Amino acid sequence: MTGHPILYDPDCGFCRVCVAVLLRWDRDRRLRPVALKSAEADELLAGMPEDEQMASWHLVGGAGRVWSSGAAFSPLFRLLPGAAPRARLTDRFPTASERAYRFVADRRSAFGKPVPSAVRRWADRVISESARGSR
């Protein structure tokens, strides 16, 4: 399979919407969604405790390198068109990136509640189409 796996919590509506937005931004199809707790996720994150796997999103790069939480922003932004300035910003302020990630992640249920069901369905379609390679 091609593309950099981006691992997300499939039970979190807010997480699915965020991944769908990133997949739409990714015109070059450099990202590939992978649900946490799937067989592929277990293989990609082999050796990482389950609680750590579920504590954040993850991006897998070449040679199986894994970035998680706020540390994953810089490599993610380097993959997206027009996002290089964001990558440089997150490189320069890694502690702020981690804190921002943790602030949102710790409140994802609250952020997800106002997301309309139509938007969640859209996100699920985008993720499904991307996983099949037909975006």
N, C-alpha and C. Protein backbone atom coordinates (compact mmCIF):
# COMPACT_ATOMS: atom_id res chain seq x y z
N MET A 1 0.84 -1.19 0.00
CA MET A 1 0.00 0.00 0.00
C MET A 1 0.88 1.24 0.00
N THR A 2 0.40 2.24 -0.67
CA THR A 2 1.18 3.47 -0.76
C THR A 2 0.62 4.52 0.18
N GLY A 3 1.35 5.59 0.31
CA GLY A 3 0.93 6.70 1.15
C GLY A 3 1.41 6.55 2.58
N HIS A 4 1.50 7.67 3.24
CA HIS A 4 1.90 7.70 4.64
C HIS A 4 0.67 7.42 5.49
N PRO A 5 0.68 6.36 6.26
CA PRO A 5 -0.47 6.08 7.12
C PRO A 5 -0.67 7.18 8.16
N ILE A 6 -1.91 7.63 8.26
CA ILE A 6 -2.30 8.57 9.32
C ILE A 6 -3.33 7.80 10.16
N LEU A 7 -2.96 7.52 11.40
CA LEU A 7 -3.77 6.67 12.26
C LEU A 7 -4.64 7.54 13.17
N TYR A 8 -5.91 7.18 13.24
CA TYR A 8 -6.90 8.00 13.95
C TYR A 8 -7.88 7.09 14.69
N ASP A 9 -8.60 7.67 15.63
CA ASP A 9 -9.60 6.95 16.41
C ASP A 9 -10.90 6.91 15.61
N PRO A 10 -11.32 5.74 15.11
CA PRO A 10 -12.52 5.67 14.30
C PRO A 10 -13.81 5.87 15.09
N ASP A 11 -13.72 5.80 16.42
CA ASP A 11 -14.90 5.99 17.26
C ASP A 11 -15.13 7.45 17.63
N CYS A 12 -14.22 8.32 17.21
CA CYS A 12 -14.29 9.74 17.54
C CYS A 12 -14.74 10.52 16.30
N GLY A 13 -15.95 11.08 16.36
CA GLY A 13 -16.47 11.85 15.23
C GLY A 13 -15.60 13.05 14.89
N PHE A 14 -15.12 13.74 15.90
CA PHE A 14 -14.25 14.90 15.68
C PHE A 14 -12.97 14.47 14.98
N CYS A 15 -12.40 13.33 15.42
CA CYS A 15 -11.17 12.83 14.80
C CYS A 15 -11.39 12.49 13.34
N ARG A 16 -12.52 11.86 13.04
CA ARG A 16 -12.82 11.50 11.65
C ARG A 16 -12.96 12.74 10.78
N VAL A 17 -13.60 13.77 11.29
CA VAL A 17 -13.74 15.01 10.52
C VAL A 17 -12.37 15.63 10.28
N CYS A 18 -11.52 15.66 11.29
CA CYS A 18 -10.17 16.23 11.12
C CYS A 18 -9.38 15.46 10.06
N VAL A 19 -9.45 14.14 10.10
CA VAL A 19 -8.73 13.33 9.11
C VAL A 19 -9.30 13.59 7.72
N ALA A 20 -10.60 13.70 7.60
CA ALA A 20 -11.22 13.96 6.29
C ALA A 20 -10.77 15.30 5.72
N VAL A 21 -10.68 16.31 6.56
CA VAL A 21 -10.21 17.62 6.11
C VAL A 21 -8.77 17.50 5.60
N LEU A 22 -7.94 16.80 6.34
CA LEU A 22 -6.55 16.61 5.90
C LEU A 22 -6.48 15.83 4.58
N LEU A 23 -7.32 14.84 4.42
CA LEU A 23 -7.33 14.06 3.18
C LEU A 23 -7.77 14.91 1.99
N ARG A 24 -8.69 15.81 2.19
CA ARG A 24 -9.11 16.72 1.11
C ARG A 24 -7.99 17.70 0.76
N TRP A 25 -7.26 18.15 1.76
CA TRP A 25 -6.14 19.07 1.56
C TRP A 25 -5.03 18.36 0.77
N ASP A 26 -4.90 17.08 0.97
CA ASP A 26 -3.84 16.25 0.41
C ASP A 26 -4.12 15.92 -1.06
N ARG A 27 -3.97 16.90 -1.92
CA ARG A 27 -4.26 16.71 -3.36
C ARG A 27 -3.38 15.64 -3.99
N ASP A 28 -2.17 15.46 -3.48
CA ASP A 28 -1.24 14.49 -4.07
C ASP A 28 -1.40 13.08 -3.51
N ARG A 29 -2.37 12.90 -2.64
CA ARG A 29 -2.68 11.59 -2.06
C ARG A 29 -1.47 10.95 -1.38
N ARG A 30 -0.83 11.74 -0.56
CA ARG A 30 0.35 11.26 0.16
C ARG A 30 -0.02 10.64 1.50
N LEU A 31 -1.27 10.83 1.92
CA LEU A 31 -1.73 10.29 3.19
C LEU A 31 -2.69 9.12 2.94
N ARG A 32 -2.72 8.20 3.88
CA ARG A 32 -3.63 7.07 3.80
C ARG A 32 -4.22 6.84 5.19
N PRO A 33 -5.53 6.94 5.33
CA PRO A 33 -6.14 6.76 6.65
C PRO A 33 -6.10 5.31 7.11
N VAL A 34 -5.77 5.14 8.38
CA VAL A 34 -5.76 3.82 9.01
C VAL A 34 -6.41 3.96 10.38
N ALA A 35 -7.44 3.19 10.62
CA ALA A 35 -8.13 3.25 11.91
C ALA A 35 -7.30 2.57 12.99
N LEU A 36 -7.20 3.24 14.14
CA LEU A 36 -6.57 2.61 15.29
C LEU A 36 -7.37 1.36 15.67
N LYS A 37 -6.72 0.41 16.27
CA LYS A 37 -7.28 -0.89 16.66
C LYS A 37 -7.45 -1.84 15.48
N SER A 38 -7.13 -1.41 14.26
CA SER A 38 -7.21 -2.31 13.11
C SER A 38 -5.94 -3.17 13.08
N ALA A 39 -5.98 -4.24 12.31
CA ALA A 39 -4.81 -5.12 12.20
C ALA A 39 -3.62 -4.34 11.65
N GLU A 40 -3.87 -3.47 10.65
CA GLU A 40 -2.76 -2.69 10.09
C GLU A 40 -2.18 -1.73 11.13
N ALA A 41 -3.04 -1.08 11.90
CA ALA A 41 -2.56 -0.17 12.95
C ALA A 41 -1.71 -0.93 13.96
N ASP A 42 -2.17 -2.11 14.35
CA ASP A 42 -1.39 -2.91 15.30
C ASP A 42 -0.01 -3.24 14.74
N GLU A 43 0.03 -3.53 13.45
CA GLU A 43 1.31 -3.85 12.81
C GLU A 43 2.21 -2.61 12.74
N LEU A 44 1.63 -1.47 12.34
CA LEU A 44 2.41 -0.24 12.21
C LEU A 44 2.93 0.25 13.55
N LEU A 45 2.16 0.01 14.60
CA LEU A 45 2.52 0.51 15.94
C LEU A 45 3.01 -0.62 16.85
N ALA A 46 3.51 -1.67 16.25
CA ALA A 46 3.98 -2.83 17.03
C ALA A 46 4.96 -2.37 18.10
N GLY A 47 4.75 -2.87 19.30
CA GLY A 47 5.63 -2.52 20.41
C GLY A 47 5.16 -1.31 21.20
N MET A 48 4.22 -0.55 20.65
CA MET A 48 3.67 0.60 21.38
C MET A 48 2.50 0.11 22.23
N PRO A 49 2.50 0.40 23.52
CA PRO A 49 1.38 -0.03 24.37
C PRO A 49 0.05 0.51 23.85
N GLU A 50 -1.02 -0.27 24.04
CA GLU A 50 -2.34 0.12 23.51
C GLU A 50 -2.81 1.46 24.05
N ASP A 51 -2.57 1.73 25.33
CA ASP A 51 -3.02 3.01 25.88
C ASP A 51 -2.30 4.18 25.20
N GLU A 52 -1.05 3.98 24.83
CA GLU A 52 -0.29 5.01 24.12
C GLU A 52 -0.81 5.14 22.67
N GLN A 53 -1.15 4.02 22.06
CA GLN A 53 -1.71 4.06 20.71
C GLN A 53 -2.99 4.90 20.70
N MET A 54 -3.84 4.68 21.68
CA MET A 54 -5.14 5.35 21.72
C MET A 54 -5.08 6.77 22.29
N ALA A 55 -3.94 7.18 22.80
CA ALA A 55 -3.81 8.49 23.43
C ALA A 55 -3.70 9.62 22.42
N SER A 56 -3.40 9.29 21.15
CA SER A 56 -3.25 10.36 20.15
C SER A 56 -3.33 9.78 18.75
N TRP A 57 -3.22 10.67 17.79
CA TRP A 57 -3.11 10.25 16.39
C TRP A 57 -1.64 10.01 16.10
N HIS A 58 -1.37 9.34 14.99
CA HIS A 58 0.00 8.99 14.64
C HIS A 58 0.18 9.14 13.13
N LEU A 59 1.38 9.48 12.72
CA LEU A 59 1.76 9.54 11.32
C LEU A 59 2.96 8.63 11.15
N VAL A 60 2.91 7.78 10.14
CA VAL A 60 4.01 6.86 9.88
C VAL A 60 4.72 7.28 8.62
N GLY A 61 6.03 7.43 8.72
CA GLY A 61 6.85 7.85 7.59
C GLY A 61 7.66 6.70 7.03
N GLY A 62 8.61 7.06 6.20
CA GLY A 62 9.50 6.08 5.61
C GLY A 62 10.22 5.28 6.68
N ALA A 63 10.53 4.04 6.36
CA ALA A 63 11.23 3.12 7.26
C ALA A 63 10.45 2.89 8.55
N GLY A 64 9.14 3.16 8.54
CA GLY A 64 8.31 2.88 9.69
C GLY A 64 8.43 3.85 10.84
N ARG A 65 9.05 4.99 10.62
CA ARG A 65 9.18 5.98 11.70
C ARG A 65 7.79 6.49 12.07
N VAL A 66 7.54 6.59 13.37
CA VAL A 66 6.23 7.01 13.87
C VAL A 66 6.36 8.32 14.63
N TRP A 67 5.51 9.28 14.27
CA TRP A 67 5.37 10.52 15.02
C TRP A 67 3.98 10.53 15.63
N SER A 68 3.86 11.05 16.83
CA SER A 68 2.58 11.06 17.53
C SER A 68 2.31 12.44 18.13
N SER A 69 1.04 12.68 18.38
CA SER A 69 0.59 13.91 19.04
C SER A 69 1.10 15.15 18.31
N GLY A 70 1.53 16.15 19.05
CA GLY A 70 2.01 17.40 18.47
C GLY A 70 3.27 17.24 17.63
N ALA A 71 4.08 16.23 17.94
CA ALA A 71 5.30 15.99 17.17
C ALA A 71 5.01 15.57 15.73
N ALA A 72 3.79 15.12 15.47
CA ALA A 72 3.44 14.68 14.11
C ALA A 72 3.05 15.84 13.20
N PHE A 73 2.84 17.02 13.74
CA PHE A 73 2.41 18.14 12.89
C PHE A 73 3.45 18.51 11.84
N SER A 74 4.70 18.63 12.23
CA SER A 74 5.71 19.05 11.27
C SER A 74 5.83 18.10 10.08
N PRO A 75 6.01 16.78 10.31
CA PRO A 75 6.08 15.90 9.15
C PRO A 75 4.78 15.86 8.35
N LEU A 76 3.64 16.01 9.03
CA LEU A 76 2.36 16.06 8.32
C LEU A 76 2.32 17.28 7.40
N PHE A 77 2.66 18.45 7.94
CA PHE A 77 2.60 19.67 7.14
C PHE A 77 3.58 19.64 5.97
N ARG A 78 4.68 18.93 6.11
CA ARG A 78 5.63 18.81 5.00
C ARG A 78 5.04 17.99 3.85
N LEU A 79 4.03 17.21 4.12
CA LEU A 79 3.39 16.40 3.08
C LEU A 79 2.26 17.13 2.36
N LEU A 80 1.75 18.19 2.96
CA LEU A 80 0.57 18.87 2.42
C LEU A 80 0.96 20.10 1.59
N PRO A 81 0.28 20.31 0.47
CA PRO A 81 0.61 21.46 -0.37
C PRO A 81 0.37 22.79 0.35
N GLY A 82 1.36 23.65 0.27
CA GLY A 82 1.26 24.98 0.86
C GLY A 82 1.44 25.03 2.36
N ALA A 83 1.78 23.93 2.99
CA ALA A 83 1.85 23.90 4.46
C ALA A 83 3.28 23.98 5.01
N ALA A 84 4.26 24.18 4.16
CA ALA A 84 5.65 24.25 4.64
C ALA A 84 5.85 25.32 5.72
N PRO A 85 5.22 26.51 5.60
CA PRO A 85 5.39 27.49 6.68
C PRO A 85 4.86 26.97 8.03
N ARG A 86 3.78 26.19 8.00
CA ARG A 86 3.26 25.61 9.24
C ARG A 86 4.24 24.59 9.80
N ALA A 87 4.89 23.84 8.91
CA ALA A 87 5.90 22.87 9.36
C ALA A 87 7.05 23.59 10.06
N ARG A 88 7.50 24.68 9.48
CA ARG A 88 8.60 25.43 10.10
C ARG A 88 8.18 26.00 11.45
N LEU A 89 6.95 26.45 11.54
CA LEU A 89 6.43 26.99 12.80
C LEU A 89 6.38 25.92 13.88
N THR A 90 5.89 24.73 13.52
CA THR A 90 5.82 23.67 14.52
C THR A 90 7.22 23.14 14.88
N ASP A 91 8.16 23.21 13.92
CA ASP A 91 9.55 22.86 14.24
C ASP A 91 10.13 23.83 15.26
N ARG A 92 9.82 25.11 15.08
CA ARG A 92 10.38 26.14 15.93
C ARG A 92 9.78 26.13 17.33
N PHE A 93 8.50 25.73 17.43
CA PHE A 93 7.80 25.75 18.72
C PHE A 93 7.19 24.37 19.03
N PRO A 94 8.03 23.37 19.23
CA PRO A 94 7.48 22.02 19.46
C PRO A 94 6.67 21.90 20.75
N THR A 95 7.06 22.60 21.78
CA THR A 95 6.30 22.52 23.04
C THR A 95 4.91 23.11 22.86
N ALA A 96 4.82 24.22 22.14
CA ALA A 96 3.52 24.83 21.88
C ALA A 96 2.66 23.91 21.01
N SER A 97 3.27 23.25 20.05
CA SER A 97 2.53 22.31 19.19
C SER A 97 1.96 21.17 20.02
N GLU A 98 2.77 20.65 20.91
CA GLU A 98 2.30 19.55 21.77
C GLU A 98 1.19 20.02 22.70
N ARG A 99 1.35 21.19 23.28
CA ARG A 99 0.31 21.71 24.18
C ARG A 99 -0.99 21.98 23.43
N ALA A 100 -0.90 22.54 22.24
CA ALA A 100 -2.10 22.79 21.43
C ALA A 100 -2.78 21.48 21.07
N TYR A 101 -1.99 20.50 20.67
CA TYR A 101 -2.57 19.19 20.36
C TYR A 101 -3.28 18.63 21.59
N ARG A 102 -2.58 18.64 22.72
CA ARG A 102 -3.15 18.04 23.95
C ARG A 102 -4.41 18.78 24.37
N PHE A 103 -4.43 20.13 24.23
CA PHE A 103 -5.62 20.91 24.60
C PHE A 103 -6.83 20.42 23.80
N VAL A 104 -6.65 20.27 22.49
CA VAL A 104 -7.76 19.84 21.63
C VAL A 104 -8.10 18.38 21.89
N ALA A 105 -7.08 17.52 21.96
CA ALA A 105 -7.33 16.09 22.16
C ALA A 105 -8.07 15.82 23.47
N ASP A 106 -7.72 16.54 24.51
CA ASP A 106 -8.38 16.34 25.80
C ASP A 106 -9.83 16.81 25.80
N ARG A 107 -10.22 17.58 24.80
CA ARG A 107 -11.58 18.12 24.72
C ARG A 107 -12.30 17.67 23.44
N ARG A 108 -11.80 16.61 22.82
CA ARG A 108 -12.34 16.21 21.52
C ARG A 108 -13.81 15.85 21.60
N SER A 109 -14.26 15.30 22.70
CA SER A 109 -15.70 14.99 22.82
C SER A 109 -16.52 16.27 22.79
N ALA A 110 -16.06 17.28 23.50
CA ALA A 110 -16.78 18.56 23.51
C ALA A 110 -16.76 19.21 22.13
N PHE A 111 -15.59 19.15 21.44
CA PHE A 111 -15.51 19.72 20.10
C PHE A 111 -16.36 18.93 19.11
N GLY A 112 -16.51 17.65 19.34
CA GLY A 112 -17.26 16.80 18.42
C GLY A 112 -18.77 16.91 18.56
N LYS A 113 -19.26 17.27 19.73
CA LYS A 113 -20.72 17.33 19.95
C LYS A 113 -21.45 18.24 18.97
N PRO A 114 -20.95 19.45 18.69
CA PRO A 114 -21.70 20.31 17.77
C PRO A 114 -21.53 19.96 16.29
N VAL A 115 -20.71 18.96 15.97
CA VAL A 115 -20.51 18.60 14.56
C VAL A 115 -21.76 17.90 14.06
N PRO A 116 -22.42 18.46 13.05
CA PRO A 116 -23.66 17.87 12.54
C PRO A 116 -23.43 16.46 11.97
N SER A 117 -24.46 15.65 12.05
CA SER A 117 -24.35 14.27 11.55
C SER A 117 -24.04 14.25 10.06
N ALA A 118 -24.51 15.24 9.30
CA ALA A 118 -24.20 15.29 7.87
C ALA A 118 -22.70 15.47 7.63
N VAL A 119 -22.05 16.23 8.49
CA VAL A 119 -20.61 16.44 8.36
C VAL A 119 -19.87 15.15 8.73
N ARG A 120 -20.35 14.45 9.73
CA ARG A 120 -19.74 13.17 10.09
C ARG A 120 -19.89 12.16 8.95
N ARG A 121 -21.05 12.15 8.32
CA ARG A 121 -21.25 11.25 7.17
C ARG A 121 -20.32 11.62 6.03
N TRP A 122 -20.16 12.93 5.78
CA TRP A 122 -19.21 13.38 4.75
C TRP A 122 -17.80 12.88 5.07
N ALA A 123 -17.39 13.04 6.33
CA ALA A 123 -16.06 12.61 6.74
C ALA A 123 -15.88 11.11 6.52
N ASP A 124 -16.89 10.34 6.88
CA ASP A 124 -16.81 8.89 6.70
C ASP A 124 -16.68 8.53 5.22
N ARG A 125 -17.39 9.26 4.35
CA ARG A 125 -17.28 9.01 2.89
C ARG A 125 -15.87 9.34 2.40
N VAL A 126 -15.33 10.48 2.82
CA VAL A 126 -13.99 10.88 2.39
C VAL A 126 -12.95 9.85 2.84
N ILE A 127 -13.05 9.41 4.08
CA ILE A 127 -12.10 8.43 4.60
C ILE A 127 -12.25 7.11 3.84
N SER A 128 -13.48 6.68 3.62
CA SER A 128 -13.71 5.42 2.91
C SER A 128 -13.17 5.49 1.48
N GLU A 129 -13.46 6.58 0.78
CA GLU A 129 -12.98 6.74 -0.59
C GLU A 129 -11.45 6.78 -0.63
N SER A 130 -10.85 7.46 0.33
CA SER A 130 -9.41 7.56 0.37
C SER A 130 -8.77 6.21 0.66
N ALA A 131 -9.37 5.48 1.58
CA ALA A 131 -8.84 4.16 1.92
C ALA A 131 -8.89 3.22 0.72
N ARG A 132 -9.90 3.41 -0.13
CA ARG A 132 -10.02 2.59 -1.35
C ARG A 132 -9.17 3.15 -2.49
N GLY A 133 -8.63 4.36 -2.30
CA GLY A 133 -7.78 4.97 -3.33
C GLY A 133 -8.55 5.62 -4.45
N SER A 134 -9.80 6.03 -4.19
CA SER A 134 -10.60 6.60 -5.27
C SER A 134 -11.05 8.02 -5.02
N ARG A 135 -10.23 8.79 -4.29
CA ARG A 135 -10.63 10.18 -3.98
C ARG A 135 -10.80 10.98 -5.21
